[in-house]
C-alpha atoms as a PDB file:
ATOM      1  CA  MET A   1      18.787 -17.603 -21.427  1.00  0.00           C
ATOM      2  CA  SER A   2      17.781 -13.883 -22.870  1.00  0.00           C
ATOM      3  CA  VAL A   3      18.413 -12.968 -26.839  1.00  0.00           C
ATOM      4  CA  SER A   4      18.454  -9.705 -25.747  1.00  0.00           C
ATOM      5  CA  GLY A   5      18.036  -6.935 -23.193  1.00  0.00           C
ATOM      6  CA  PRO A   6      20.212  -6.707 -19.841  1.00  0.00           C
ATOM      7  CA  PHE A   7      22.530  -9.580 -19.099  1.00  0.00           C
ATOM      8  CA  ARG A   8      20.815 -11.817 -17.036  1.00  0.00           C
ATOM      9  CA  ALA A   9      21.872 -14.884 -15.072  1.00  0.00           C
ATOM     10  CA  GLY A  10      22.487 -17.434 -17.569  1.00  0.00           C
ATOM     11  CA  ASP A  11      22.697 -15.567 -20.604  1.00  0.00           C
ATOM     12  CA  ARG A  12      26.586 -16.464 -22.656  1.00  0.00           C
ATOM     13  CA  VAL A  13      28.539 -13.699 -23.071  1.00  0.00           C
ATOM     14  CA  GLN A  14      31.293 -13.025 -25.524  1.00  0.00           C
ATOM     15  CA  LEU A  15      34.062 -10.612 -24.046  1.00  0.00           C
ATOM     16  CA  THR A  16      36.524  -9.030 -26.485  1.00  0.00           C
ATOM     17  CA  ASP A  17      39.814  -7.112 -25.347  1.00  0.00           C
ATOM     18  CA  SER A  18      42.049  -4.490 -26.840  1.00  0.00           C
ATOM     19  CA  LYS A  19      43.539  -7.096 -29.348  1.00  0.00           C
ATOM     20  CA  GLY A  20      40.379  -8.110 -30.810  1.00  0.00           C
ATOM     21  CA  ARG A  21      40.642 -11.830 -28.715  1.00  0.00           C
ATOM     22  CA  HIS A  22      36.993 -13.337 -27.607  1.00  0.00           C
ATOM     23  CA  TYR A  23      36.557 -14.988 -24.459  1.00  0.00           C
ATOM     24  CA  THR A  24      32.985 -16.433 -23.879  1.00  0.00           C
ATOM     25  CA  LEU A  25      31.250 -17.430 -20.238  1.00  0.00           C
ATOM     26  CA  THR A  26      27.929 -17.931 -18.954  1.00  0.00           C
ATOM     27  CA  LEU A  27      26.614 -15.549 -16.131  1.00  0.00           C
ATOM     28  CA  ALA A  28      25.980 -16.741 -13.103  1.00  0.00           C
ATOM     29  CA  ASP A  29      25.123 -14.879  -9.466  1.00  0.00           C
ATOM     30  CA  GLY A  30      28.113 -14.280  -7.683  1.00  0.00           C
ATOM     31  CA  GLY A  31      30.115 -15.987 -10.129  1.00  0.00           C
ATOM     32  CA  GLU A  32      33.590 -14.862 -11.278  1.00  0.00           C
ATOM     33  CA  TYR A  33      35.578 -14.993 -14.830  1.00  0.00           C
ATOM     34  CA  HIS A  34      39.415 -15.129 -14.249  1.00  0.00           C
ATOM     35  CA  THR A  35      41.722 -13.833 -16.852  1.00  0.00           C
ATOM     36  CA  HIS A  36      45.765 -13.136 -17.573  1.00  0.00           C
ATOM     37  CA  ARG A  37      44.711  -9.332 -16.354  1.00  0.00           C
ATOM     38  CA  GLY A  38      42.627 -10.080 -12.895  1.00  0.00           C
ATOM     39  CA  GLY A  39      39.292 -11.552 -12.400  1.00  0.00           C
ATOM     40  CA  LEU A  40      35.881  -9.969 -13.353  1.00  0.00           C
ATOM     41  CA  ALA A  41      32.805 -10.335 -11.175  1.00  0.00           C
ATOM     42  CA  HIS A  42      30.047 -11.373 -13.181  1.00  0.00           C
ATOM     43  CA  ASP A  43      27.684  -9.397 -11.196  1.00  0.00           C
ATOM     44  CA  ASP A  44      29.382  -6.213 -13.199  1.00  0.00           C
ATOM     45  CA  LEU A  45      27.675  -7.487 -16.209  1.00  0.00           C
ATOM     46  CA  ILE A  46      24.350  -8.665 -14.966  1.00  0.00           C
ATOM     47  CA  GLY A  47      21.539  -6.035 -15.862  1.00  0.00           C
ATOM     48  CA  ARG A  48      24.311  -4.108 -17.751  1.00  0.00           C
ATOM     49  CA  PRO A  49      22.704  -3.593 -21.465  1.00  0.00           C
ATOM     50  CA  GLU A  50      24.362  -5.597 -24.384  1.00  0.00           C
ATOM     51  CA  GLY A  51      27.008  -3.657 -25.891  1.00  0.00           C
ATOM     52  CA  SER A  52      28.732  -2.240 -22.648  1.00  0.00           C
ATOM     53  CA  VAL A  53      32.320  -1.955 -21.217  1.00  0.00           C
ATOM     54  CA  VAL A  54      33.600  -3.673 -18.342  1.00  0.00           C
ATOM     55  CA  THR A  55      36.800  -3.607 -16.775  1.00  0.00           C
ATOM     56  CA  SER A  56      38.505  -6.596 -14.586  1.00  0.00           C
ATOM     57  CA  ALA A  57      40.029  -6.085 -11.307  1.00  0.00           C
ATOM     58  CA  GLY A  58      43.304  -5.317 -13.652  1.00  0.00           C
ATOM     59  CA  GLY A  59      42.279  -3.156 -15.448  1.00  0.00           C
ATOM     60  CA  SER A  60      41.591  -4.704 -18.295  1.00  0.00           C
ATOM     61  CA  THR A  61      38.522  -3.574 -20.485  1.00  0.00           C
ATOM     62  CA  TYR A  62      36.411  -5.609 -22.185  1.00  0.00           C
ATOM     63  CA  LEU A  63      33.625  -5.371 -24.909  1.00  0.00           C
ATOM     64  CA  ALA A  64      30.230  -7.614 -23.782  1.00  0.00           C
ATOM     65  CA  LEU A  65      28.213  -8.593 -26.031  1.00  0.00           C
ATOM     66  CA  ARG A  66      25.701 -11.641 -26.682  1.00  0.00           C
ATOM     67  CA  PRO A  67      27.704 -13.662 -28.965  1.00  0.00           C
ATOM     68  CA  LEU A  68      26.123 -14.371 -32.587  1.00  0.00           C
ATOM     69  CA  LEU A  69      25.762 -17.748 -34.359  1.00  0.00           C
ATOM     70  CA  PRO A  70      29.048 -17.251 -36.246  1.00  0.00           C
ATOM     71  CA  ASP A  71      31.435 -16.567 -32.879  1.00  0.00           C
ATOM     72  CA  TYR A  72      29.342 -19.807 -31.395  1.00  0.00           C
ATOM     73  CA  VAL A  73      29.714 -22.190 -34.513  1.00  0.00           C
ATOM     74  CA  LEU A  74      33.797 -21.366 -34.270  1.00  0.00           C
ATOM     75  CA  SER A  75      34.344 -21.799 -31.004  1.00  0.00           C
ATOM     76  CA  MET A  76      31.512 -24.996 -29.891  1.00  0.00           C
ATOM     77  CA  PRO A  77      33.194 -28.056 -28.688  1.00  0.00           C
ATOM     78  CA  ARG A  78      33.296 -30.782 -31.744  1.00  0.00           C
ATOM     79  CA  GLY A  79      33.203 -33.962 -32.647  1.00  0.00           C
ATOM     80  CA  ALA A  80      33.121 -33.858 -36.654  1.00  0.00           C
ATOM     81  CA  GLN A  81      34.578 -31.233 -38.208  1.00  0.00           C
ATOM     82  CA  VAL A  82      32.089 -28.199 -38.652  1.00  0.00           C
ATOM     83  CA  ILE A  83      30.516 -26.488 -41.805  1.00  0.00           C
ATOM     84  CA  TYR A  84      31.818 -23.233 -40.956  1.00  0.00           C
ATOM     85  CA  PRO A  85      29.558 -19.800 -41.368  1.00  0.00           C
ATOM     86  CA  LYS A  86      30.581 -18.741 -44.951  1.00  0.00           C
ATOM     87  CA  ASP A  87      29.166 -22.625 -46.274  1.00  0.00           C
ATOM     88  CA  ALA A  88      25.747 -22.499 -43.785  1.00  0.00           C
ATOM     89  CA  ALA A  89      25.016 -19.079 -45.586  1.00  0.00           C
ATOM     90  CA  GLN A  90      25.133 -20.581 -48.809  1.00  0.00           C
ATOM     91  CA  ILE A  91      22.834 -23.700 -47.871  1.00  0.00           C
ATOM     92  CA  VAL A  92      20.195 -21.790 -46.247  1.00  0.00           C
ATOM     93  CA  MET A  93      20.107 -19.202 -49.244  1.00  0.00           C
ATOM     94  CA  TRP A  94      20.694 -21.600 -51.995  1.00  0.00           C
ATOM     95  CA  GLY A  95      19.276 -24.478 -50.400  1.00  0.00           C
ATOM     96  CA  ASP A  96      16.280 -22.260 -49.932  1.00  0.00           C
ATOM     97  CA  ILE A  97      15.360 -23.036 -46.485  1.00  0.00           C
ATOM     98  CA  PHE A  98      12.539 -20.994 -45.731  1.00  0.00           C
ATOM     99  CA  PRO A  99      10.473 -20.769 -42.554  1.00  0.00           C
ATOM    100  CA  GLY A 100       8.000 -23.782 -41.931  1.00  0.00           C
ATOM    101  CA  ALA A 101       9.863 -25.911 -43.988  1.00  0.00           C
ATOM    102  CA  ARG A 102      10.545 -29.442 -43.247  1.00  0.00           C
ATOM    103  CA  VAL A 103      14.253 -29.908 -43.597  1.00  0.00           C
ATOM    104  CA  LEU A 104      16.274 -33.644 -43.743  1.00  0.00           C
ATOM    105  CA  GLU A 105      19.979 -33.564 -42.264  1.00  0.00           C
ATOM    106  CA  ALA A 106      21.793 -36.378 -42.663  1.00  0.00           C
ATOM    107  CA  GLY A 107      25.154 -36.348 -41.256  1.00  0.00           C
ATOM    108  CA  ALA A 108      24.381 -34.242 -38.130  1.00  0.00           C
ATOM    109  CA  GLY A 109      28.310 -33.524 -37.413  1.00  0.00           C
ATOM    110  CA  SER A 110      28.662 -31.757 -34.187  1.00  0.00           C
ATOM    111  CA  GLY A 111      25.193 -29.500 -34.857  1.00  0.00           C
ATOM    112  CA  ALA A 112      27.205 -26.391 -36.623  1.00  0.00           C
ATOM    113  CA  LEU A 113      24.339 -26.293 -39.386  1.00  0.00           C
ATOM    114  CA  THR A 114      21.848 -27.576 -37.584  1.00  0.00           C
ATOM    115  CA  CYS A 115      21.666 -24.557 -35.143  1.00  0.00           C
ATOM    116  CA  SER A 116      21.288 -22.622 -38.563  1.00  0.00           C
ATOM    117  CA  LEU A 117      18.499 -24.880 -40.274  1.00  0.00           C
ATOM    118  CA  LEU A 118      16.831 -24.797 -36.755  1.00  0.00           C
ATOM    119  CA  ARG A 119      16.939 -20.790 -37.054  1.00  0.00           C
ATOM    120  CA  ALA A 120      16.219 -20.569 -40.459  1.00  0.00           C
ATOM    121  CA  VAL A 121      12.868 -22.800 -40.501  1.00  0.00           C
ATOM    122  CA  GLY A 122      11.369 -21.538 -37.245  1.00  0.00           C
ATOM    123  CA  PRO A 123       9.117 -22.830 -34.549  1.00  0.00           C
ATOM    124  CA  ALA A 124       6.523 -23.582 -37.395  1.00  0.00           C
ATOM    125  CA  GLY A 125       9.044 -26.010 -39.359  1.00  0.00           C
ATOM    126  CA  GLN A 126      10.729 -28.794 -38.519  1.00  0.00           C
ATOM    127  CA  VAL A 127      14.295 -30.188 -39.044  1.00  0.00           C
ATOM    128  CA  HIS A 128      15.133 -34.514 -38.703  1.00  0.00           C
ATOM    129  CA  SER A 129      18.578 -34.985 -38.318  1.00  0.00           C
ATOM    130  CA  TYR A 130      20.275 -38.452 -39.279  1.00  0.00           C
ATOM    131  CA  GLU A 131      23.733 -39.417 -37.714  1.00  0.00           C
ATOM    132  CA  ILE A 132      25.409 -43.100 -37.906  1.00  0.00           C
ATOM    133  CA  ARG A 133      27.822 -42.409 -35.188  1.00  0.00           C
ATOM    134  CA  ASP A 134      26.873 -41.798 -31.409  1.00  0.00           C
ATOM    135  CA  ASP A 135      29.605 -39.699 -30.275  1.00  0.00           C
ATOM    136  CA  HIS A 136      28.808 -37.463 -33.002  1.00  0.00           C
ATOM    137  CA  ALA A 137      25.082 -37.144 -32.386  1.00  0.00           C
ATOM    138  CA  GLU A 138      26.100 -36.513 -28.624  1.00  0.00           C
ATOM    139  CA  HIS A 139      27.984 -33.875 -29.505  1.00  0.00           C
ATOM    140  CA  ALA A 140      25.684 -32.653 -31.973  1.00  0.00           C
ATOM    141  CA  GLU A 141      22.669 -32.619 -29.015  1.00  0.00           C
ATOM    142  CA  ARG A 142      24.727 -31.108 -26.557  1.00  0.00           C
ATOM    143  CA  ASN A 143      25.740 -27.948 -28.647  1.00  0.00           C
ATOM    144  CA  VAL A 144      22.346 -27.588 -30.093  1.00  0.00           C
ATOM    145  CA  VAL A 145      20.884 -27.727 -26.471  1.00  0.00           C
ATOM    146  CA  LYS A 146      23.544 -25.244 -25.360  1.00  0.00           C
ATOM    147  CA  PHE A 147      23.137 -22.810 -27.875  1.00  0.00           C
ATOM    148  CA  PHE A 148      19.146 -22.904 -28.078  1.00  0.00           C
ATOM    149  CA  GLY A 149      18.714 -23.094 -24.082  1.00  0.00           C
ATOM    150  CA  GLU A 150      17.064 -26.540 -24.667  1.00  0.00           C
ATOM    151  CA  LYS A 151      16.408 -28.709 -26.995  1.00  0.00           C
ATOM    152  CA  PRO A 152      14.248 -27.529 -29.686  1.00  0.00           C
ATOM    153  CA  ALA A 153      10.494 -29.139 -30.208  1.00  0.00           C
ATOM    154  CA  ASN A 154      10.942 -28.951 -33.520  1.00  0.00           C
ATOM    155  CA  TRP A 155      13.937 -31.005 -33.822  1.00  0.00           C
ATOM    156  CA  SER A 156      14.303 -34.765 -33.926  1.00  0.00           C
ATOM    157  CA  LEU A 157      18.107 -36.474 -33.809  1.00  0.00           C
ATOM    158  CA  THR A 158      18.025 -40.192 -34.738  1.00  0.00           C
ATOM    159  CA  VAL A 159      20.954 -41.873 -34.755  1.00  0.00           C
ATOM    160  CA  ALA A 160      20.844 -44.120 -37.657  1.00  0.00           C
ATOM    161  CA  ASP A 161      21.088 -44.414 -41.452  1.00  0.00           C
ATOM    162  CA  LEU A 162      18.863 -41.752 -43.442  1.00  0.00           C
ATOM    163  CA  ALA A 163      16.955 -44.573 -44.717  1.00  0.00           C
ATOM    164  CA  SER A 164      14.891 -45.216 -41.768  1.00  0.00           C
ATOM    165  CA  HIS A 165      13.500 -42.173 -42.314  1.00  0.00           C
ATOM    166  CA  GLU A 166       9.439 -41.823 -43.297  1.00  0.00           C
ATOM    167  CA  GLY A 167       7.506 -39.028 -44.256  1.00  0.00           C
ATOM    168  CA  GLU A 168       7.944 -36.415 -47.137  1.00  0.00           C
ATOM    169  CA  VAL A 169      10.472 -32.978 -46.864  1.00  0.00           C
ATOM    170  CA  ASP A 170      10.651 -30.277 -48.643  1.00  0.00           C
ATOM    171  CA  ARG A 171      14.343 -29.869 -48.539  1.00  0.00           C
ATOM    172  CA  VAL A 172      17.164 -32.122 -47.732  1.00  0.00           C
ATOM    173  CA  VAL A 173      20.812 -31.378 -46.767  1.00  0.00           C
ATOM    174  CA  LEU A 174      23.728 -34.131 -46.897  1.00  0.00           C
ATOM    175  CA  ASP A 175      27.217 -34.211 -45.390  1.00  0.00           C
ATOM    176  CA  MET A 176      28.475 -37.592 -45.754  1.00  0.00           C
ATOM    177  CA  LEU A 177      31.579 -39.511 -47.203  1.00  0.00           C
ATOM    178  CA  ALA A 178      29.391 -41.112 -50.040  1.00  0.00           C
ATOM    179  CA  PRO A 179      26.333 -38.994 -50.514  1.00  0.00           C
ATOM    180  CA  TRP A 180      25.726 -40.961 -53.970  1.00  0.00           C
ATOM    181  CA  GLU A 181      24.835 -44.012 -51.805  1.00  0.00           C
ATOM    182  CA  GLN A 182      21.587 -42.073 -50.108  1.00  0.00           C
ATOM    183  CA  LEU A 183      20.204 -40.629 -53.516  1.00  0.00           C
ATOM    184  CA  PRO A 184      17.421 -43.292 -54.090  1.00  0.00           C
ATOM    185  CA  ASN A 185      15.964 -42.770 -50.515  1.00  0.00           C
ATOM    186  CA  VAL A 186      16.325 -38.876 -51.341  1.00  0.00           C
ATOM    187  CA  ALA A 187      14.210 -39.027 -54.197  1.00  0.00           C
ATOM    188  CA  ALA A 188      11.646 -41.226 -52.580  1.00  0.00           C
ATOM    189  CA  HIS A 189      11.314 -38.699 -49.687  1.00  0.00           C
ATOM    190  CA  LEU A 190      11.739 -35.206 -51.266  1.00  0.00           C
ATOM    191  CA  VAL A 191       8.490 -33.388 -52.810  1.00  0.00           C
ATOM    192  CA  PRO A 192       8.722 -32.545 -56.735  1.00  0.00           C
ATOM    193  CA  GLY A 193      10.419 -28.905 -56.843  1.00  0.00           C
ATOM    194  CA  GLY A 194      12.305 -29.877 -53.833  1.00  0.00           C
ATOM    195  CA  VAL A 195      15.615 -28.681 -53.213  1.00  0.00           C
ATOM    196  CA  LEU A 196      19.181 -31.025 -52.959  1.00  0.00           C
ATOM    197  CA  THR A 197      22.363 -29.625 -51.248  1.00  0.00           C
ATOM    198  CA  VAL A 198      24.697 -31.617 -50.751  1.00  0.00           C
ATOM    199  CA  TYR A 199      28.419 -30.877 -48.862  1.00  0.00           C
ATOM    200  CA  VAL A 200      31.524 -32.306 -49.626  1.00  0.00           C
ATOM    201  CA  ALA A 201      35.368 -32.431 -49.071  1.00  0.00           C
ATOM    202  CA  THR A 202      37.085 -33.074 -52.759  1.00  0.00           C
ATOM    203  CA  VAL A 203      36.832 -32.671 -56.335  1.00  0.00           C
ATOM    204  CA  THR A 204      36.276 -36.900 -56.361  1.00  0.00           C
ATOM    205  CA  GLN A 205      33.360 -36.823 -54.205  1.00  0.00           C
ATOM    206  CA  LEU A 206      31.431 -33.849 -56.370  1.00  0.00           C
ATOM    207  CA  SER A 207      31.793 -35.452 -59.613  1.00  0.00           C
ATOM    208  CA  ARG A 208      30.893 -38.792 -58.263  1.00  0.00           C
ATOM    209  CA  VAL A 209      27.733 -37.509 -56.884  1.00  0.00           C
ATOM    210  CA  THR A 210      26.855 -35.415 -59.750  1.00  0.00           C
ATOM    211  CA  GLU A 211      27.119 -37.791 -62.115  1.00  0.00           C
ATOM    212  CA  SER A 212      25.199 -39.918 -59.670  1.00  0.00           C
ATOM    213  CA  LEU A 213      22.582 -36.955 -59.951  1.00  0.00           C
ATOM    214  CA  ARG A 214      22.478 -37.327 -63.506  1.00  0.00           C
ATOM    215  CA  GLU A 215      22.233 -41.057 -64.120  1.00  0.00           C
ATOM    216  CA  GLN A 216      19.152 -41.188 -62.056  1.00  0.00           C
ATOM    217  CA  GLN A 217      17.253 -38.988 -63.832  1.00  0.00           C
ATOM    218  CA  CYS A 218      14.754 -37.322 -61.680  1.00  0.00           C
ATOM    219  CA  TRP A 219      16.567 -34.051 -60.923  1.00  0.00           C
ATOM    220  CA  THR A 220      17.510 -30.806 -62.560  1.00  0.00           C
ATOM    221  CA  GLU A 221      20.940 -30.395 -63.575  1.00  0.00           C
ATOM    222  CA  PRO A 222      23.406 -30.280 -60.621  1.00  0.00           C
ATOM    223  CA  GLU A 223      24.908 -26.674 -59.867  1.00  0.00           C
ATOM    224  CA  SER A 224      28.520 -26.610 -57.634  1.00  0.00           C
ATOM    225  CA  TRP A 225      30.644 -24.000 -56.881  1.00  0.00           C
ATOM    226  CA  GLU A 226      32.946 -23.588 -53.456  1.00  0.00           C
ATOM    227  CA  THR A 227      33.012 -20.168 -51.356  1.00  0.00           C
ATOM    228  CA  LEU A 228      36.344 -18.479 -50.567  1.00  0.00           C
ATOM    229  CA  MET A 229      36.104 -15.651 -47.986  1.00  0.00           C
ATOM    230  CA  ARG A 230      39.178 -13.220 -47.875  1.00  0.00           C
ATOM    231  CA  PRO A 231      38.905 -10.491 -45.254  1.00  0.00           C
ATOM    232  CA  TRP A 232      39.814  -6.786 -46.103  1.00  0.00           C
ATOM    233  CA  HIS A 233      42.272  -4.621 -43.601  1.00  0.00           C
ATOM    234  CA  VAL A 234      40.900  -1.107 -43.932  1.00  0.00           C
ATOM    235  CA  VAL A 235      42.707   1.852 -42.041  1.00  0.00           C
ATOM    236  CA  GLY A 236      42.309   4.880 -43.013  1.00  0.00           C
ATOM    237  CA  LEU A 237      43.783   5.164 -46.799  1.00  0.00           C
ATOM    238  CA  ALA A 238      45.547   1.560 -45.814  1.00  0.00           C
ATOM    239  CA  VAL A 239      43.047  -0.255 -47.480  1.00  0.00           C
ATOM    240  CA  ARG A 240      44.032  -3.611 -48.739  1.00  0.00           C
ATOM    241  CA  PRO A 241      43.234  -8.032 -48.417  1.00  0.00           C
ATOM    242  CA  ASP A 242      44.145  -9.565 -45.334  1.00  0.00           C
ATOM    243  CA  HIS A 243      46.336 -11.735 -45.465  1.00  0.00           C
ATOM    244  CA  ARG A 244      44.568 -15.022 -43.956  1.00  0.00           C
ATOM    245  CA  MET A 245      41.744 -15.796 -45.523  1.00  0.00           C
ATOM    246  CA  VAL A 246      39.281 -18.684 -45.108  1.00  0.00           C
ATOM    247  CA  ALA A 247      39.635 -21.145 -48.986  1.00  0.00           C
ATOM    248  CA  HIS A 248      38.798 -24.203 -49.488  1.00  0.00           C
ATOM    249  CA  THR A 249      36.604 -25.695 -47.152  1.00  0.00           C
ATOM    250  CA  ALA A 250      34.266 -27.387 -49.133  1.00  0.00           C
ATOM    251  CA  PHE A 251      32.225 -27.758 -52.367  1.00  0.00           C
ATOM    252  CA  LEU A 252      28.228 -27.189 -52.509  1.00  0.00           C
ATOM    253  CA  LEU A 253      25.977 -28.602 -55.050  1.00  0.00           C
ATOM    254  CA  THR A 254      21.933 -28.462 -55.451  1.00  0.00           C
ATOM    255  CA  ALA A 255      19.630 -30.141 -57.801  1.00  0.00           C
ATOM    256  CA  ARG A 256      15.946 -29.919 -57.550  1.00  0.00           C
ATOM    257  CA  ARG A 257      13.565 -33.205 -57.361  1.00  0.00           C
ATOM    258  CA  LEU A 258      11.509 -33.543 -60.775  1.00  0.00           C
ATOM    259  CA  ALA A 259       8.206 -34.418 -61.007  1.00  0.00           C
ATOM    260  CA  ASP A 260       7.963 -38.609 -61.177  1.00  0.00           C
ATOM    261  CA  GLY A 261       7.970 -39.697 -64.712  1.00  0.00           C
ATOM    262  CA  THR A 262       9.647 -36.294 -65.971  1.00  0.00           C
ATOM    263  CA  VAL A 263      12.300 -36.247 -68.060  1.00  0.00           C
ATOM    264  CA  SER A 264      14.355 -32.834 -67.823  1.00  0.00           C
ATOM    265  CA  PRO A 265      15.671 -31.484 -71.191  1.00  0.00           C
ATOM    266  CA  ARG A 266      19.260 -32.646 -71.894  1.00  0.00           C
ATOM    267  CA  VAL A 267      21.811 -29.771 -71.029  1.00  0.00           C
ATOM    268  CA  SER A 268      24.135 -29.138 -74.177  1.00  0.00           C
ATOM    269  CA  ARG A 269      27.833 -29.384 -72.411  1.00  0.00           C
ATOM    270  CA  ARG A 270      30.918 -27.944 -74.325  1.00  0.00           C
ATOM    271  CA  PRO A 271      33.788 -30.604 -74.574  1.00  0.00           C
ATOM    272  CA  SER A 272      37.023 -29.642 -72.891  1.00  0.00           C
ATOM    273  CA  LYS A 273      39.956 -28.040 -74.902  1.00  0.00           C
ATOM    274  CA  GLY A 274      41.934 -31.151 -76.712  1.00  0.00           C
ATOM    275  CA  LYS A 275      38.604 -33.486 -77.115  1.00  0.00           C
ATOM    276  CA  GLY A 276      36.748 -33.996 -79.999  1.00  0.00           C
END
C-alpha cells in the first residue's frame, strides 16, 4: 500500500461525489466499484495521480484521493466507540506524544487512537496497548493492520489488564470505565515527568479520577477540559456557523508524574459561590 505518488493496486482510495459524499474502496487490478450511477473500473484509477477526477459508466464524476487518518477513523468498522479525531488530536498534543516515545495505552477499543499514537511515536517509538475484551482487541487489530497495511513492528496488543505490564514508559493514555483503579499501576511504570492522559465520558468519572490523583499525591494538579468542534459555512459573503456541530464526546484530563518522595505545592482553589 503506497502513501504517495500514482495510485497502485492495493491502495485505499476515497471517492467524493458532487454532493460531498465519500466512498472508500481498495484498488485491485481488473476490479470494478459499483455505484448507483454505474460502475467505475479500478484500472481507470491505477496509475493516475492522487487528486484526479474519474467518471463512472453512468457519467457521474468523483474526486479520487487517499483517505486521511480522520477519514479512516470515522468510517472504520467498530466494536467499541471510537475516540473522535478532535479528541485524538488533543491527546497527541497535550499528552505530548513525541517521536521515539514509549506509550502505554489502556483500552484499545476499536484502534482509532492507536493509529494516531503509532503515527506520533514513529518507528523509533513503541506503543503497548492493553484491552480486556477479546472482541474489542480483534476489532482494534484489524483496523490498525488495515490502516498501516501490516501490523506495525513497534506495536504490541495484549488482551489483559494493565496491571500485567512490565517496564518503564514515557506516556500513558487511559480510556476505560474506572481509570482511578489503575492509578497505582500507572504510577509504578510512568517515568518522573511523564504525562498521563485520561479520557472519560461523564462528569462523575472526571470528578472521581481527579480526586483520586490528588489523593495519590504523586501527580501535578490535574487539568481537564472538553473540546467542541463547530464547522463553518463559507460561501461568498454568507459566512455563518454550520447548523450541526460535534459537541461533547468526552472529557480529557492530564497530569504529570512527580519524582518519588516529592510533594507538590498545594494549589489554592477558590470556594464555589454560596460556600463558606
